[in-house]
Amino acid sequence: MRRTLPALLLLLSCAPVVVAWPAETMTALSRDARKLLPRSLSRLLGERESLVLDEASRFPPDLARLVARDLPGGRLSQETLAGLETQVDAAFRLLKQGHAGEGLVRLGGLLRISADLSDPVLLVGPEGWPSGLTREYYALFAANLGRMPVVLDDRAALTLTRAELPALWQSLLERGRAQVPVIREELVRDGRVIDHRRLDYRSPAWAVASLSYSRAVTGTAATWLAVWREANGDTTRMPAAREVAPQPNPEAP
């Protein structure tokens, strides 16, 4: 037993770290989230895009494991929330202390939080996914990202304070978790994972991918804005959201 215990601990310490969408999607997510920001903050983050994406990819492994542990259950633990808030606090302190360059990179790297919490593939329960499903879902997403409308998931999210961010993160997780069954139903037929090329914009799985991406974009912008606002950053020249509603067909009876 004395010999097996250290080996067991080593295996646990090397547990896989959760990783969200592919790198090219994270780039698109960062750019789309910047469209919801004040012009000055959008420009500052855009000038540091490569550093921001690198920061997001270097999310603390211990914290990533805590997030991965909580995702299947649909509830972020207090330990995990405390870890996420520590990341937010680090960016906030750097900005308040005048370390703008480093602070902006740390701020930008927070996009990893909403990305992970909005990706339904990561939110499957203990039953897991059939072999090959993750590959086909991400292929479906990557092939159609340019056709998916990016919408503001929640206008009120852009006015949240830093103290309200944990509730936002939990909401992202809960809404994504509710859509997990749709992916399984659409991508598994007769017990086999189907080729993503058999699905198009009429598929509920396509809709789930589109909605989850919009949630990630909104959550990222909301997180950035809450920290930036509390650090007394420039919030002038905010883009105005345009509300789009279905229009009636004039030829319909």
Protein backbone atom coordinates (compact mmCIF):
# COMPACT_ATOMS: atom_id res chain seq x y z
CA MET A 1 0.00 0.00 0.00
CA ARG A 2 2.86 2.37 0.79
CA ARG A 3 4.18 1.89 -2.74
CA THR A 4 0.84 2.31 -4.52
CA LEU A 5 -0.28 5.46 -2.69
CA PRO A 6 2.42 7.78 -4.12
CA ALA A 7 1.70 6.39 -7.57
CA LEU A 8 -2.00 7.13 -7.14
CA LEU A 9 -1.28 10.67 -6.00
CA LEU A 10 0.96 11.16 -9.03
CA LEU A 11 -1.82 10.03 -11.36
CA LEU A 12 -4.27 12.43 -9.77
CA SER A 13 -1.83 15.31 -10.03
CA CYS A 14 -1.43 14.57 -13.74
CA ALA A 15 -5.16 14.53 -14.45
CA PRO A 16 -5.97 16.11 -17.82
CA VAL A 17 -6.64 19.84 -17.81
CA VAL A 18 -9.87 20.91 -19.49
CA VAL A 19 -9.42 22.74 -22.77
CA ALA A 20 -12.23 24.52 -24.57
CA TRP A 21 -12.66 25.31 -28.26
CA PRO A 22 -9.75 25.09 -30.72
CA ALA A 23 -7.22 27.93 -30.89
CA GLU A 24 -8.73 29.57 -33.97
CA THR A 25 -12.10 29.74 -32.21
CA MET A 26 -10.52 31.39 -29.18
CA THR A 27 -9.09 34.03 -31.51
CA ALA A 28 -12.51 34.67 -33.03
CA LEU A 29 -14.06 34.77 -29.56
CA SER A 30 -11.58 37.41 -28.43
CA ARG A 31 -12.24 39.56 -31.50
CA ASP A 32 -16.02 39.29 -31.27
CA ALA A 33 -16.00 40.10 -27.54
CA ARG A 34 -13.94 43.23 -28.23
CA LYS A 35 -16.76 44.52 -30.43
CA LEU A 36 -18.87 44.95 -27.27
CA LEU A 37 -16.26 47.06 -25.48
CA PRO A 38 -15.53 50.79 -25.30
CA ARG A 39 -13.35 51.76 -28.24
CA SER A 40 -10.28 52.46 -26.09
CA LEU A 41 -10.33 49.10 -24.27
CA SER A 42 -11.04 47.25 -27.51
CA ARG A 43 -8.02 48.85 -29.13
CA LEU A 44 -5.73 48.17 -26.16
CA LEU A 45 -6.66 44.50 -26.02
CA GLY A 46 -6.46 44.18 -29.80
CA GLU A 47 -2.88 45.48 -29.78
CA ARG A 48 -2.00 42.68 -27.36
CA GLU A 49 -4.03 39.91 -28.99
CA SER A 50 -1.24 37.33 -29.21
CA LEU A 51 -0.21 37.96 -25.60
CA VAL A 52 -3.83 37.73 -24.45
CA LEU A 53 -4.38 34.40 -26.18
CA ASP A 54 -1.14 33.06 -24.77
CA GLU A 55 -2.23 34.16 -21.29
CA ALA A 56 -5.56 32.38 -21.75
CA SER A 57 -3.79 29.18 -22.80
CA ARG A 58 -1.61 29.31 -19.66
CA PHE A 59 -4.55 29.19 -17.25
CA PRO A 60 -3.27 27.91 -13.87
CA PRO A 61 -3.40 24.07 -14.07
CA ASP A 62 -4.69 23.65 -10.53
CA LEU A 63 -7.56 26.04 -11.20
CA ALA A 64 -8.30 24.41 -14.56
CA ARG A 65 -8.62 21.07 -12.74
CA LEU A 66 -11.05 22.58 -10.25
CA VAL A 67 -13.17 23.89 -13.11
CA ALA A 68 -13.01 20.52 -14.87
CA ARG A 69 -14.12 18.80 -11.68
CA ASP A 70 -17.19 21.05 -11.35
CA LEU A 71 -18.36 21.17 -14.96
CA PRO A 72 -20.09 17.76 -15.14
CA GLY A 73 -22.15 18.50 -12.02
CA GLY A 74 -23.32 21.90 -13.26
CA ARG A 75 -22.35 23.76 -10.08
CA LEU A 76 -19.20 25.78 -9.38
CA SER A 77 -17.89 25.12 -5.89
CA GLN A 78 -16.85 27.89 -3.54
CA GLU A 79 -13.26 26.73 -3.93
CA THR A 80 -13.46 27.08 -7.70
CA LEU A 81 -15.19 30.46 -7.55
CA ALA A 82 -12.55 31.71 -5.13
CA GLY A 83 -9.85 30.62 -7.57
CA LEU A 84 -11.55 32.36 -10.50
CA GLU A 85 -11.97 35.54 -8.46
CA THR A 86 -8.27 35.40 -7.60
CA GLN A 87 -7.51 35.57 -11.33
CA VAL A 88 -9.83 38.56 -11.67
CA ASP A 89 -8.28 40.26 -8.64
CA ALA A 90 -4.78 39.87 -10.09
CA ALA A 91 -5.79 41.71 -13.28
CA PHE A 92 -7.63 44.37 -11.30
CA ARG A 93 -4.68 45.08 -8.98
CA LEU A 94 -2.25 45.45 -11.88
CA LEU A 95 -4.55 47.93 -13.60
CA LYS A 96 -5.14 49.93 -10.41
CA GLN A 97 -1.41 50.05 -9.68
CA GLY A 98 -0.69 51.52 -13.09
CA HIS A 99 0.88 48.41 -14.65
CA ALA A 100 -1.30 48.84 -17.72
CA GLY A 101 0.50 46.51 -20.11
CA GLU A 102 0.67 43.53 -17.79
CA GLY A 103 -2.77 44.28 -16.39
CA LEU A 104 -4.39 44.31 -19.85
CA VAL A 105 -2.81 40.97 -20.74
CA ARG A 106 -4.06 39.43 -17.48
CA LEU A 107 -7.47 40.97 -18.10
CA GLY A 108 -7.61 39.58 -21.63
CA GLY A 109 -6.63 36.12 -20.43
CA LEU A 110 -9.83 35.98 -18.38
CA LEU A 111 -11.66 35.04 -21.60
CA ARG A 112 -10.72 31.44 -20.74
CA ILE A 113 -13.32 31.48 -17.94
CA SER A 114 -16.36 32.14 -20.11
CA ALA A 115 -14.98 29.98 -22.90
CA ASP A 116 -14.77 26.89 -20.69
CA LEU A 117 -18.08 27.52 -18.95
CA SER A 118 -19.96 28.03 -22.23
CA ASP A 119 -18.68 25.03 -24.17
CA PRO A 120 -21.32 22.25 -23.93
CA VAL A 121 -18.80 19.58 -24.95
CA LEU A 122 -16.99 20.10 -21.65
CA LEU A 123 -20.18 19.95 -19.60
CA VAL A 124 -21.13 16.30 -20.17
CA GLY A 125 -21.82 14.31 -17.00
CA PRO A 126 -20.09 11.17 -15.72
CA GLU A 127 -21.49 9.17 -18.63
CA GLY A 128 -19.08 10.94 -21.00
CA TRP A 129 -19.29 11.21 -24.78
CA PRO A 130 -19.18 8.36 -27.31
CA SER A 131 -15.81 8.03 -29.05
CA GLY A 132 -15.46 10.55 -31.85
CA LEU A 133 -18.32 12.84 -30.82
CA THR A 134 -16.11 15.66 -29.57
CA ARG A 135 -14.16 15.64 -32.84
CA GLU A 136 -17.31 15.82 -34.95
CA TYR A 137 -18.92 18.55 -32.80
CA TYR A 138 -15.85 20.78 -33.01
CA ALA A 139 -15.61 20.09 -36.75
CA LEU A 140 -19.25 21.14 -37.14
CA PHE A 141 -18.54 24.29 -35.18
CA ALA A 142 -15.35 25.18 -37.05
CA ALA A 143 -16.95 24.61 -40.46
CA ASN A 144 -19.87 26.90 -39.67
CA LEU A 145 -18.46 29.57 -37.36
CA GLY A 146 -18.42 32.16 -40.14
CA ARG A 147 -22.12 31.57 -40.78
CA MET A 148 -23.24 31.75 -37.16
CA PRO A 149 -24.77 35.05 -36.04
CA VAL A 150 -23.07 36.44 -32.95
CA VAL A 151 -25.70 37.98 -30.69
CA LEU A 152 -25.60 39.78 -27.36
CA ASP A 153 -26.78 37.00 -25.07
CA ASP A 154 -27.81 39.35 -22.25
CA ARG A 155 -27.68 43.14 -22.53
CA ALA A 156 -27.70 43.52 -18.71
CA ALA A 157 -24.50 41.45 -18.47
CA LEU A 158 -22.50 44.38 -19.79
CA THR A 159 -23.43 46.46 -16.74
CA LEU A 160 -22.47 43.91 -14.07
CA THR A 161 -20.10 44.75 -11.24
CA ARG A 162 -17.10 42.64 -10.36
CA ALA A 163 -18.97 41.23 -7.35
CA GLU A 164 -21.71 39.95 -9.66
CA LEU A 165 -19.41 37.96 -11.93
CA PRO A 166 -19.66 34.63 -10.02
CA ALA A 167 -23.43 34.59 -10.62
CA LEU A 168 -22.82 35.24 -14.32
CA TRP A 169 -20.32 32.38 -14.55
CA GLN A 170 -22.71 30.00 -12.81
CA SER A 171 -25.45 31.03 -15.24
CA LEU A 172 -23.20 30.25 -18.22
CA LEU A 173 -22.54 26.79 -16.83
CA GLU A 174 -26.19 26.02 -16.11
CA ARG A 175 -27.44 27.09 -19.53
CA GLY A 176 -24.74 25.17 -21.35
CA ARG A 177 -25.35 22.07 -19.24
CA ALA A 178 -29.02 22.10 -20.23
CA GLN A 179 -28.05 21.78 -23.90
CA VAL A 180 -25.81 18.74 -23.54
CA PRO A 181 -28.60 16.24 -24.42
CA VAL A 182 -29.24 18.02 -27.73
CA ILE A 183 -25.70 17.35 -28.92
CA ARG A 184 -25.95 13.67 -28.08
CA GLU A 185 -29.35 13.32 -29.78
CA GLU A 186 -28.18 15.02 -32.97
CA LEU A 187 -24.70 13.55 -33.37
CA VAL A 188 -25.46 9.97 -32.38
CA ARG A 189 -27.69 7.89 -34.66
CA ASP A 190 -28.32 4.19 -34.15
CA GLY A 191 -25.54 4.09 -31.58
CA ARG A 192 -22.92 5.61 -33.91
CA VAL A 193 -21.45 9.12 -34.13
CA ILE A 194 -22.38 10.67 -37.47
CA ASP A 195 -20.21 12.77 -39.77
CA HIS A 196 -20.65 16.49 -39.03
CA ARG A 197 -21.08 17.17 -42.76
CA ARG A 198 -24.53 15.63 -42.57
CA LEU A 199 -25.70 18.54 -40.41
CA ASP A 200 -26.39 22.15 -41.40
CA TYR A 201 -28.04 25.28 -40.01
CA ARG A 202 -31.35 23.43 -39.59
CA SER A 203 -29.82 21.08 -37.02
CA PRO A 204 -30.44 21.72 -33.30
CA ALA A 205 -26.75 20.88 -32.73
CA TRP A 206 -25.85 23.77 -35.05
CA ALA A 207 -28.13 26.04 -33.01
CA VAL A 208 -26.52 24.88 -29.75
CA ALA A 209 -23.07 25.65 -31.14
CA SER A 210 -24.18 29.12 -32.22
CA LEU A 211 -25.87 29.95 -28.92
CA SER A 212 -23.01 28.64 -26.80
CA TYR A 213 -20.54 30.77 -28.76
CA SER A 214 -22.67 33.88 -28.26
CA ARG A 215 -22.81 33.12 -24.52
CA ALA A 216 -19.03 32.89 -24.43
CA VAL A 217 -18.67 36.21 -26.30
CA THR A 218 -21.12 37.99 -23.98
CA GLY A 219 -19.62 36.44 -20.83
CA THR A 220 -16.10 37.42 -21.88
CA ALA A 221 -17.07 41.03 -22.64
CA ALA A 222 -19.02 41.25 -19.38
CA THR A 223 -16.05 39.99 -17.35
CA TRP A 224 -13.64 42.38 -19.04
CA LEU A 225 -15.98 45.35 -18.58
CA ALA A 226 -16.69 44.66 -14.89
CA VAL A 227 -12.98 44.70 -14.06
CA TRP A 228 -12.15 47.62 -16.36
CA ARG A 229 -14.98 49.73 -14.98
CA GLU A 230 -13.97 49.14 -11.35
CA ALA A 231 -10.37 49.99 -12.23
CA ASN A 232 -11.69 53.36 -13.50
CA GLY A 233 -10.88 52.59 -17.10
CA ASP A 234 -12.34 54.66 -19.93
CA THR A 235 -15.90 53.50 -20.64
CA THR A 236 -16.88 56.20 -23.11
CA ARG A 237 -17.77 55.45 -26.72
CA MET A 238 -19.48 52.18 -25.92
CA PRO A 239 -21.03 50.56 -29.02
CA ALA A 240 -24.82 50.60 -29.10
CA ALA A 241 -26.53 47.23 -29.29
CA ARG A 242 -28.94 46.88 -32.19
CA GLU A 243 -32.05 44.90 -31.38
CA VAL A 244 -33.15 42.55 -34.13
CA ALA A 245 -36.61 41.02 -34.20
CA PRO A 246 -38.29 38.74 -36.74
CA GLN A 247 -40.19 40.72 -39.34
CA PRO A 248 -43.62 39.62 -40.58
CA ASN A 249 -43.93 38.45 -44.15
CA PRO A 250 -46.05 41.10 -45.97
CA GLU A 251 -47.26 38.46 -48.41
CA ALA A 252 -48.55 36.16 -45.69
CA PRO A 253 -52.35 36.07 -45.31
